[in-house]
Amino acid sequence: MKTIKIALICTDEALEVRLLNFLRGEKDIIVSGFGVIQNVAHESDRGKGQDFMNKIIELQPDIIILDTTLLRAAAALYLPQLMEFTRKCASMRAIIIGDRFYEQTVIAMMKGGVRGFLLREHLDADIIKCIHTISRGEIWLTGDLLTRVCDEFIRVCDKKYLLKAPTSNQLSKMKAISRREMQVMALVSESMTNEEIARKLFLSAETVKKHFRNIFKKTDIHNRVEAALLFIRYKQSVKS
C-alpha cells in the first residue's frame, strides 16, 4: 500500500481539527505538517506562513490541502514568493477547499499545480476519495464544475487554436525541416502519440517533444494537427 504524505493549512482551528480527525483514521495517509493562518496580511501570520512554506519545502509532501480564501489572499499579496514555493515543490499537488469555484479561476489554479477542487459542503463525504484520486495523478472536480471547466477550455481553444489550412509560405518552409523531423511529421500524420513515435524511431519522448518544438518554430504552426495537415499537403505537392 502506497503511503500518501499530506500537509494542510487552514484559516481556522475548527477546520484543522475536522480534517485531522478524518485523515488520521486512514492507514495509507500520513499528515506530515499542519497549521492555522487566519490572515496572511498580519505580520505574525505572515511569519508563520513563511515558516510553514519552508517546512513544506523540506518535507516535500505529496499533497497539500488549503482553503481557497487563504490561497487567494497569498496570491494577491505575495505572488512572487508563492510562485517560488510552487517551483520548489513542483511534484506536489494541491487540493483547494471552497464554497464555490469559477471555471476561469480553476483553470488558472490547475496551471499552478492544483488538482482537487472540493466544495466545503461535501468535505466530510469526499475528502478521502478526493485525496486518493489526486494521489493517482487524476483530477477531482464536481460534475457541474467539470462541465463548466470543459466548456471554458473549448471556448478558449476555439479562439486560440482555430484550425487553419497550410499556407504556401508554410509549404516553402518545409525545406528547412530535417530528415528526422520529417519522419516525426509523417508519424504524427498517422495519429501516433509522442510515446509511439519515440518507440518507432528509437528515441526518447523528450527528444520527440524537442523535434516538435523545432518543427513548430521552423514552419510557423502551433499544434500537432497543423503539423499533420502540413505534412500531408507537402507530400501531395511533391508528388504533383
C-alpha atoms as a PDB file:
ATOM      1  CA  MET A   1       0.000   0.000   0.000  1.00  0.00           C
ATOM      2  CA  LYS A   2       1.420   3.351  -1.070  1.00  0.00           C
ATOM      3  CA  THR A   3       1.660   5.947   1.695  1.00  0.00           C
ATOM      4  CA  ILE A   4       0.337   9.420   0.873  1.00  0.00           C
ATOM      5  CA  LYS A   5       2.058  12.286   2.668  1.00  0.00           C
ATOM      6  CA  ILE A   6      -0.292  15.190   3.380  1.00  0.00           C
ATOM      7  CA  ALA A   7       0.239  18.750   4.570  1.00  0.00           C
ATOM      8  CA  LEU A   8      -2.657  21.023   5.424  1.00  0.00           C
ATOM      9  CA  ILE A   9      -3.035  24.670   6.269  1.00  0.00           C
ATOM     10  CA  CYS A  10      -6.344  26.137   7.417  1.00  0.00           C
ATOM     11  CA  THR A  11      -7.837  29.515   8.244  1.00  0.00           C
ATOM     12  CA  ASP A  12      -9.432  28.332  11.499  1.00  0.00           C
ATOM     13  CA  GLU A  13      -8.769  25.672  14.133  1.00  0.00           C
ATOM     14  CA  ALA A  14     -12.193  24.059  13.730  1.00  0.00           C
ATOM     15  CA  LEU A  15     -11.461  23.119  10.115  1.00  0.00           C
ATOM     16  CA  GLU A  16      -7.987  21.912  11.077  1.00  0.00           C
ATOM     17  CA  VAL A  17      -9.350  19.593  13.768  1.00  0.00           C
ATOM     18  CA  ARG A  18     -12.074  18.370  11.433  1.00  0.00           C
ATOM     19  CA  LEU A  19      -9.582  17.459   8.725  1.00  0.00           C
ATOM     20  CA  LEU A  20      -7.103  15.869  11.110  1.00  0.00           C
ATOM     21  CA  ASN A  21      -9.817  13.631  12.536  1.00  0.00           C
ATOM     22  CA  PHE A  22     -10.641  12.393   9.048  1.00  0.00           C
ATOM     23  CA  LEU A  23      -7.057  11.907   7.896  1.00  0.00           C
ATOM     24  CA  ARG A  24      -5.712  10.200  10.996  1.00  0.00           C
ATOM     25  CA  GLY A  25      -8.207   7.388  10.544  1.00  0.00           C
ATOM     26  CA  GLU A  26      -6.669   6.370   7.199  1.00  0.00           C
ATOM     27  CA  LYS A  27      -3.835   3.814   7.245  1.00  0.00           C
ATOM     28  CA  ASP A  28      -2.313   4.963   3.951  1.00  0.00           C
ATOM     29  CA  ILE A  29      -2.322   8.697   4.789  1.00  0.00           C
ATOM     30  CA  ILE A  30       0.334  10.433   6.880  1.00  0.00           C
ATOM     31  CA  VAL A  31      -0.101  14.059   7.971  1.00  0.00           C
ATOM     32  CA  SER A  32       3.431  15.430   7.793  1.00  0.00           C
ATOM     33  CA  GLY A  33       2.604  19.073   8.549  1.00  0.00           C
ATOM     34  CA  PHE A  34      -0.345  21.256   9.535  1.00  0.00           C
ATOM     35  CA  GLY A  35      -1.068  24.773  10.745  1.00  0.00           C
ATOM     36  CA  VAL A  36      -3.589  27.613  11.037  1.00  0.00           C
ATOM     37  CA  ILE A  37      -3.146  31.011   9.374  1.00  0.00           C
ATOM     38  CA  GLN A  38      -6.087  33.350   9.766  1.00  0.00           C
ATOM     39  CA  ASN A  39      -4.821  36.416   7.903  1.00  0.00           C
ATOM     40  CA  VAL A  40      -1.678  36.428   5.759  1.00  0.00           C
ATOM     41  CA  ALA A  41      -1.644  40.231   5.820  1.00  0.00           C
ATOM     42  CA  HIS A  42      -0.914  40.288   9.563  1.00  0.00           C
ATOM     43  CA  GLU A  43       2.769  40.273  10.430  1.00  0.00           C
ATOM     44  CA  SER A  44       2.504  37.367  12.897  1.00  0.00           C
ATOM     45  CA  ASP A  45       0.642  35.166  10.437  1.00  0.00           C
ATOM     46  CA  ARG A  46       2.957  36.219   7.612  1.00  0.00           C
ATOM     47  CA  GLY A  47       5.940  34.904   9.560  1.00  0.00           C
ATOM     48  CA  LYS A  48       4.033  31.747  10.431  1.00  0.00           C
ATOM     49  CA  GLY A  49       3.201  31.270   6.754  1.00  0.00           C
ATOM     50  CA  GLN A  50       6.835  31.618   5.723  1.00  0.00           C
ATOM     51  CA  ASP A  51       7.911  29.092   8.348  1.00  0.00           C
ATOM     52  CA  PHE A  52       5.241  26.692   7.143  1.00  0.00           C
ATOM     53  CA  MET A  53       6.340  27.024   3.494  1.00  0.00           C
ATOM     54  CA  ASN A  54       9.964  26.357   4.486  1.00  0.00           C
ATOM     55  CA  LYS A  55       8.838  23.242   6.344  1.00  0.00           C
ATOM     56  CA  ILE A  56       6.823  22.030   3.332  1.00  0.00           C
ATOM     57  CA  ILE A  57       9.807  22.567   1.019  1.00  0.00           C
ATOM     58  CA  GLU A  58      11.857  20.401   3.381  1.00  0.00           C
ATOM     59  CA  LEU A  59       9.227  17.667   3.818  1.00  0.00           C
ATOM     60  CA  GLN A  60       8.049  17.557   0.176  1.00  0.00           C
ATOM     61  CA  PRO A  61       4.580  16.065   0.824  1.00  0.00           C
ATOM     62  CA  ASP A  62       2.589  14.505  -1.990  1.00  0.00           C
ATOM     63  CA  ILE A  63      -0.466  16.716  -1.447  1.00  0.00           C
ATOM     64  CA  ILE A  64      -1.173  19.992   0.319  1.00  0.00           C
ATOM     65  CA  ILE A  65      -4.716  20.916   1.390  1.00  0.00           C
ATOM     66  CA  LEU A  66      -5.675  24.561   1.893  1.00  0.00           C
ATOM     67  CA  ASP A  67      -8.595  26.949   1.876  1.00  0.00           C
ATOM     68  CA  THR A  68      -9.324  28.951  -1.261  1.00  0.00           C
ATOM     69  CA  THR A  69      -9.573  32.225   0.709  1.00  0.00           C
ATOM     70  CA  LEU A  70      -6.061  31.702   2.052  1.00  0.00           C
ATOM     71  CA  LEU A  71      -4.647  30.919  -1.375  1.00  0.00           C
ATOM     72  CA  ARG A  72      -6.371  33.935  -2.929  1.00  0.00           C
ATOM     73  CA  ALA A  73      -5.014  36.301  -0.270  1.00  0.00           C
ATOM     74  CA  ALA A  74      -1.491  34.852  -0.540  1.00  0.00           C
ATOM     75  CA  ALA A  75      -1.547  35.183  -4.335  1.00  0.00           C
ATOM     76  CA  ALA A  76      -2.722  38.791  -4.132  1.00  0.00           C
ATOM     77  CA  LEU A  77      -0.091  39.848  -1.594  1.00  0.00           C
ATOM     78  CA  TYR A  78       2.882  37.554  -2.165  1.00  0.00           C
ATOM     79  CA  LEU A  79       2.652  36.147  -5.684  1.00  0.00           C
ATOM     80  CA  PRO A  80       6.449  36.036  -6.363  1.00  0.00           C
ATOM     81  CA  GLN A  81       7.058  34.121  -3.125  1.00  0.00           C
ATOM     82  CA  LEU A  82       4.151  31.807  -3.891  1.00  0.00           C
ATOM     83  CA  MET A  83       5.489  31.109  -7.385  1.00  0.00           C
ATOM     84  CA  GLU A  84       8.941  30.336  -5.944  1.00  0.00           C
ATOM     85  CA  PHE A  85       7.342  27.997  -3.414  1.00  0.00           C
ATOM     86  CA  THR A  86       5.475  26.231  -6.231  1.00  0.00           C
ATOM     87  CA  ARG A  87       8.710  25.865  -8.203  1.00  0.00           C
ATOM     88  CA  LYS A  88      10.492  24.261  -5.239  1.00  0.00           C
ATOM     89  CA  CYS A  89       7.589  21.840  -4.715  1.00  0.00           C
ATOM     90  CA  ALA A  90       6.984  21.015  -8.364  1.00  0.00           C
ATOM     91  CA  SER A  91       5.910  17.414  -7.728  1.00  0.00           C
ATOM     92  CA  MET A  92       3.425  18.354  -5.011  1.00  0.00           C
ATOM     93  CA  ARG A  93      -0.267  18.633  -5.883  1.00  0.00           C
ATOM     94  CA  ALA A  94      -2.854  20.781  -4.112  1.00  0.00           C
ATOM     95  CA  ILE A  95      -6.460  20.329  -3.023  1.00  0.00           C
ATOM     96  CA  ILE A  96      -8.443  23.534  -2.550  1.00  0.00           C
ATOM     97  CA  ILE A  97     -11.461  23.721  -0.250  1.00  0.00           C
ATOM     98  CA  GLY A  98     -14.021  26.398  -1.091  1.00  0.00           C
ATOM     99  CA  ASP A  99     -17.682  27.382  -1.083  1.00  0.00           C
ATOM    100  CA  ARG A 100     -17.770  27.861  -4.857  1.00  0.00           C
ATOM    101  CA  PHE A 101     -15.390  27.765  -7.801  1.00  0.00           C
ATOM    102  CA  TYR A 102     -15.360  29.716 -11.053  1.00  0.00           C
ATOM    103  CA  GLU A 103     -14.128  27.977 -14.185  1.00  0.00           C
ATOM    104  CA  GLN A 104     -11.577  30.660 -15.147  1.00  0.00           C
ATOM    105  CA  THR A 105     -10.075  30.556 -11.654  1.00  0.00           C
ATOM    106  CA  VAL A 106      -9.995  26.749 -11.708  1.00  0.00           C
ATOM    107  CA  ILE A 107      -8.063  26.705 -14.979  1.00  0.00           C
ATOM    108  CA  ALA A 108      -5.538  29.231 -13.643  1.00  0.00           C
ATOM    109  CA  MET A 109      -5.099  27.184 -10.449  1.00  0.00           C
ATOM    110  CA  MET A 110      -4.671  23.950 -12.406  1.00  0.00           C
ATOM    111  CA  LYS A 111      -1.751  25.542 -14.235  1.00  0.00           C
ATOM    112  CA  GLY A 112      -0.179  26.146 -10.816  1.00  0.00           C
ATOM    113  CA  GLY A 113      -0.488  22.534  -9.695  1.00  0.00           C
ATOM    114  CA  VAL A 114      -3.933  22.396  -8.085  1.00  0.00           C
ATOM    115  CA  ARG A 115      -5.621  19.079  -8.900  1.00  0.00           C
ATOM    116  CA  GLY A 116      -8.527  18.912  -6.474  1.00  0.00           C
ATOM    117  CA  PHE A 117     -11.416  21.359  -6.050  1.00  0.00           C
ATOM    118  CA  LEU A 118     -13.530  20.278  -3.091  1.00  0.00           C
ATOM    119  CA  LEU A 119     -16.725  22.044  -2.078  1.00  0.00           C
ATOM    120  CA  ARG A 120     -16.883  22.740   1.641  1.00  0.00           C
ATOM    121  CA  GLU A 121     -20.399  21.299   1.851  1.00  0.00           C
ATOM    122  CA  HIS A 122     -19.059  17.964   0.526  1.00  0.00           C
ATOM    123  CA  LEU A 123     -15.934  17.914   2.696  1.00  0.00           C
ATOM    124  CA  ASP A 124     -16.999  15.119   5.054  1.00  0.00           C
ATOM    125  CA  ALA A 125     -18.216  12.824   2.275  1.00  0.00           C
ATOM    126  CA  ASP A 126     -15.487  13.447  -0.308  1.00  0.00           C
ATOM    127  CA  ILE A 127     -12.167  14.415   1.314  1.00  0.00           C
ATOM    128  CA  ILE A 128     -10.710  10.882   1.471  1.00  0.00           C
ATOM    129  CA  LYS A 129     -11.924   9.977  -2.029  1.00  0.00           C
ATOM    130  CA  CYS A 130     -10.505  13.260  -3.309  1.00  0.00           C
ATOM    131  CA  ILE A 131      -7.066  12.572  -1.776  1.00  0.00           C
ATOM    132  CA  HIS A 132      -6.891   9.088  -3.277  1.00  0.00           C
ATOM    133  CA  THR A 133      -7.960  10.425  -6.674  1.00  0.00           C
ATOM    134  CA  ILE A 134      -5.266  13.105  -6.658  1.00  0.00           C
ATOM    135  CA  SER A 135      -2.623  10.620  -5.469  1.00  0.00           C
ATOM    136  CA  ARG A 136      -3.317   8.525  -8.585  1.00  0.00           C
ATOM    137  CA  GLY A 137      -2.469  11.509 -10.766  1.00  0.00           C
ATOM    138  CA  GLU A 138      -6.081  12.309 -11.583  1.00  0.00           C
ATOM    139  CA  ILE A 139      -8.163  15.480 -11.141  1.00  0.00           C
ATOM    140  CA  TRP A 140     -11.082  15.944  -8.744  1.00  0.00           C
ATOM    141  CA  LEU A 141     -13.916  18.148  -9.992  1.00  0.00           C
ATOM    142  CA  THR A 142     -17.616  18.002  -9.177  1.00  0.00           C
ATOM    143  CA  GLY A 143     -19.919  17.121 -12.070  1.00  0.00           C
ATOM    144  CA  ASP A 144     -21.227  20.653 -12.566  1.00  0.00           C
ATOM    145  CA  LEU A 145     -17.773  22.220 -12.266  1.00  0.00           C
ATOM    146  CA  LEU A 146     -16.271  19.664 -14.643  1.00  0.00           C
ATOM    147  CA  THR A 147     -18.833  20.614 -17.287  1.00  0.00           C
ATOM    148  CA  ARG A 148     -18.190  24.344 -16.838  1.00  0.00           C
ATOM    149  CA  VAL A 149     -14.401  23.923 -16.954  1.00  0.00           C
ATOM    150  CA  CYS A 150     -14.596  21.794 -20.108  1.00  0.00           C
ATOM    151  CA  ASP A 151     -16.882  24.363 -21.739  1.00  0.00           C
ATOM    152  CA  GLU A 152     -14.380  27.104 -20.860  1.00  0.00           C
ATOM    153  CA  PHE A 153     -11.476  25.065 -22.292  1.00  0.00           C
ATOM    154  CA  ILE A 154     -13.416  24.606 -25.517  1.00  0.00           C
ATOM    155  CA  ARG A 155     -14.268  28.313 -25.691  1.00  0.00           C
ATOM    156  CA  VAL A 156     -10.627  29.338 -25.179  1.00  0.00           C
ATOM    157  CA  CYS A 157      -9.326  26.718 -27.602  1.00  0.00           C
ATOM    158  CA  ASP A 158     -11.812  27.819 -30.241  1.00  0.00           C
ATOM    159  CA  LYS A 159     -10.239  31.281 -30.114  1.00  0.00           C
ATOM    160  CA  LYS A 160      -6.601  30.356 -29.638  1.00  0.00           C
ATOM    161  CA  TYR A 161      -6.306  27.160 -31.666  1.00  0.00           C
ATOM    162  CA  LEU A 162      -8.623  27.754 -34.578  1.00  0.00           C
ATOM    163  CA  LEU A 163      -7.546  25.190 -37.167  1.00  0.00           C
ATOM    164  CA  LYS A 164      -6.009  26.718 -40.277  1.00  0.00           C
ATOM    165  CA  ALA A 165      -5.170  25.192 -43.640  1.00  0.00           C
ATOM    166  CA  PRO A 166      -1.447  25.127 -44.524  1.00  0.00           C
ATOM    167  CA  THR A 167      -0.321  28.208 -46.449  1.00  0.00           C
ATOM    168  CA  SER A 168       2.053  28.400 -49.400  1.00  0.00           C
ATOM    169  CA  ASN A 169       4.540  30.171 -47.137  1.00  0.00           C
ATOM    170  CA  GLN A 170       4.463  27.268 -44.659  1.00  0.00           C
ATOM    171  CA  LEU A 171       4.913  24.803 -47.512  1.00  0.00           C
ATOM    172  CA  SER A 172       8.036  26.634 -48.630  1.00  0.00           C
ATOM    173  CA  LYS A 173       9.386  26.489 -45.060  1.00  0.00           C
ATOM    174  CA  MET A 174       9.265  22.687 -45.209  1.00  0.00           C
ATOM    175  CA  LYS A 175      12.645  22.913 -46.975  1.00  0.00           C
ATOM    176  CA  ALA A 176      14.177  23.683 -43.581  1.00  0.00           C
ATOM    177  CA  ILE A 177      12.793  20.506 -41.992  1.00  0.00           C
ATOM    178  CA  SER A 178      15.434  17.848 -41.254  1.00  0.00           C
ATOM    179  CA  ARG A 179      15.089  14.197 -42.241  1.00  0.00           C
ATOM    180  CA  ARG A 180      14.321  13.179 -38.642  1.00  0.00           C
ATOM    181  CA  GLU A 181      11.775  15.966 -38.226  1.00  0.00           C
ATOM    182  CA  MET A 182      10.133  14.830 -41.461  1.00  0.00           C
ATOM    183  CA  GLN A 183       9.866  11.313 -40.018  1.00  0.00           C
ATOM    184  CA  VAL A 184       8.211  12.726 -36.903  1.00  0.00           C
ATOM    185  CA  MET A 185       5.710  14.659 -39.024  1.00  0.00           C
ATOM    186  CA  ALA A 186       4.963  11.562 -41.076  1.00  0.00           C
ATOM    187  CA  LEU A 187       4.160   9.570 -37.945  1.00  0.00           C
ATOM    188  CA  VAL A 188       2.020  12.270 -36.366  1.00  0.00           C
ATOM    189  CA  SER A 189       0.029  12.361 -39.598  1.00  0.00           C
ATOM    190  CA  GLU A 190      -0.785   8.713 -38.763  1.00  0.00           C
ATOM    191  CA  SER A 191      -2.190   9.869 -35.386  1.00  0.00           C
ATOM    192  CA  MET A 192       0.688   8.437 -33.348  1.00  0.00           C
ATOM    193  CA  THR A 193       1.341   9.721 -29.830  1.00  0.00           C
ATOM    194  CA  ASN A 194       4.753  11.003 -28.688  1.00  0.00           C
ATOM    195  CA  GLU A 195       5.404   7.685 -26.947  1.00  0.00           C
ATOM    196  CA  GLU A 196       4.540   5.687 -30.068  1.00  0.00           C
ATOM    197  CA  ILE A 197       6.735   7.923 -32.234  1.00  0.00           C
ATOM    198  CA  ALA A 198       9.588   7.533 -29.742  1.00  0.00           C
ATOM    199  CA  ARG A 199       9.353   3.737 -29.862  1.00  0.00           C
ATOM    200  CA  LYS A 200       9.099   3.710 -33.655  1.00  0.00           C
ATOM    201  CA  LEU A 201      12.172   5.905 -34.130  1.00  0.00           C
ATOM    202  CA  PHE A 202      14.137   4.567 -31.118  1.00  0.00           C
ATOM    203  CA  LEU A 203      14.128   7.980 -29.433  1.00  0.00           C
ATOM    204  CA  SER A 204      13.167   9.287 -26.019  1.00  0.00           C
ATOM    205  CA  ALA A 205       9.801  11.018 -25.586  1.00  0.00           C
ATOM    206  CA  GLU A 206      11.667  14.203 -24.635  1.00  0.00           C
ATOM    207  CA  THR A 207      13.609  14.120 -27.921  1.00  0.00           C
ATOM    208  CA  VAL A 208      10.327  13.783 -29.811  1.00  0.00           C
ATOM    209  CA  LYS A 209       8.987  16.851 -27.991  1.00  0.00           C
ATOM    210  CA  LYS A 210      12.128  18.741 -28.966  1.00  0.00           C
ATOM    211  CA  HIS A 211      11.602  17.789 -32.617  1.00  0.00           C
ATOM    212  CA  PHE A 212       8.041  19.104 -32.431  1.00  0.00           C
ATOM    213  CA  ARG A 213       9.223  22.408 -30.965  1.00  0.00           C
ATOM    214  CA  ASN A 214      11.692  22.755 -33.840  1.00  0.00           C
ATOM    215  CA  ILE A 215       9.018  21.888 -36.395  1.00  0.00           C
ATOM    216  CA  PHE A 216       6.601  24.450 -34.948  1.00  0.00           C
ATOM    217  CA  LYS A 217       9.291  27.136 -34.961  1.00  0.00           C
ATOM    218  CA  LYS A 218      10.537  26.404 -38.483  1.00  0.00           C
ATOM    219  CA  THR A 219       7.104  26.233 -40.128  1.00  0.00           C
ATOM    220  CA  ASP A 220       5.114  28.723 -38.016  1.00  0.00           C
ATOM    221  CA  ILE A 221       2.475  26.201 -36.951  1.00  0.00           C
ATOM    222  CA  HIS A 222       1.055  25.786 -33.466  1.00  0.00           C
ATOM    223  CA  ASN A 223      -0.054  22.214 -32.834  1.00  0.00           C
ATOM    224  CA  ARG A 224       0.162  18.575 -33.887  1.00  0.00           C
ATOM    225  CA  VAL A 225      -2.969  18.712 -36.035  1.00  0.00           C
ATOM    226  CA  GLU A 226      -1.500  21.514 -38.126  1.00  0.00           C
ATOM    227  CA  ALA A 227       1.753  19.553 -38.362  1.00  0.00           C
ATOM    228  CA  ALA A 228      -0.119  16.530 -39.731  1.00  0.00           C
ATOM    229  CA  LEU A 229      -2.051  18.638 -42.253  1.00  0.00           C
ATOM    230  CA  LEU A 230       1.094  20.433 -43.376  1.00  0.00           C
ATOM    231  CA  PHE A 231       2.958  17.156 -43.902  1.00  0.00           C
ATOM    232  CA  ILE A 232       0.109  15.665 -45.934  1.00  0.00           C
ATOM    233  CA  ARG A 233      -0.184  18.820 -48.047  1.00  0.00           C
ATOM    234  CA  TYR A 234       3.590  18.861 -48.548  1.00  0.00           C
ATOM    235  CA  LYS A 235       3.684  15.245 -49.722  1.00  0.00           C
ATOM    236  CA  GLN A 236       0.887  15.969 -52.161  1.00  0.00           C
ATOM    237  CA  SER A 237       2.732  18.991 -53.555  1.00  0.00           C
ATOM    238  CA  VAL A 238       5.909  16.942 -54.002  1.00  0.00           C
ATOM    239  CA  LYS A 239       4.056  14.223 -55.908  1.00  0.00           C
ATOM    240  CA  SER A 240       2.379  16.739 -58.187  1.00  0.00           C
END
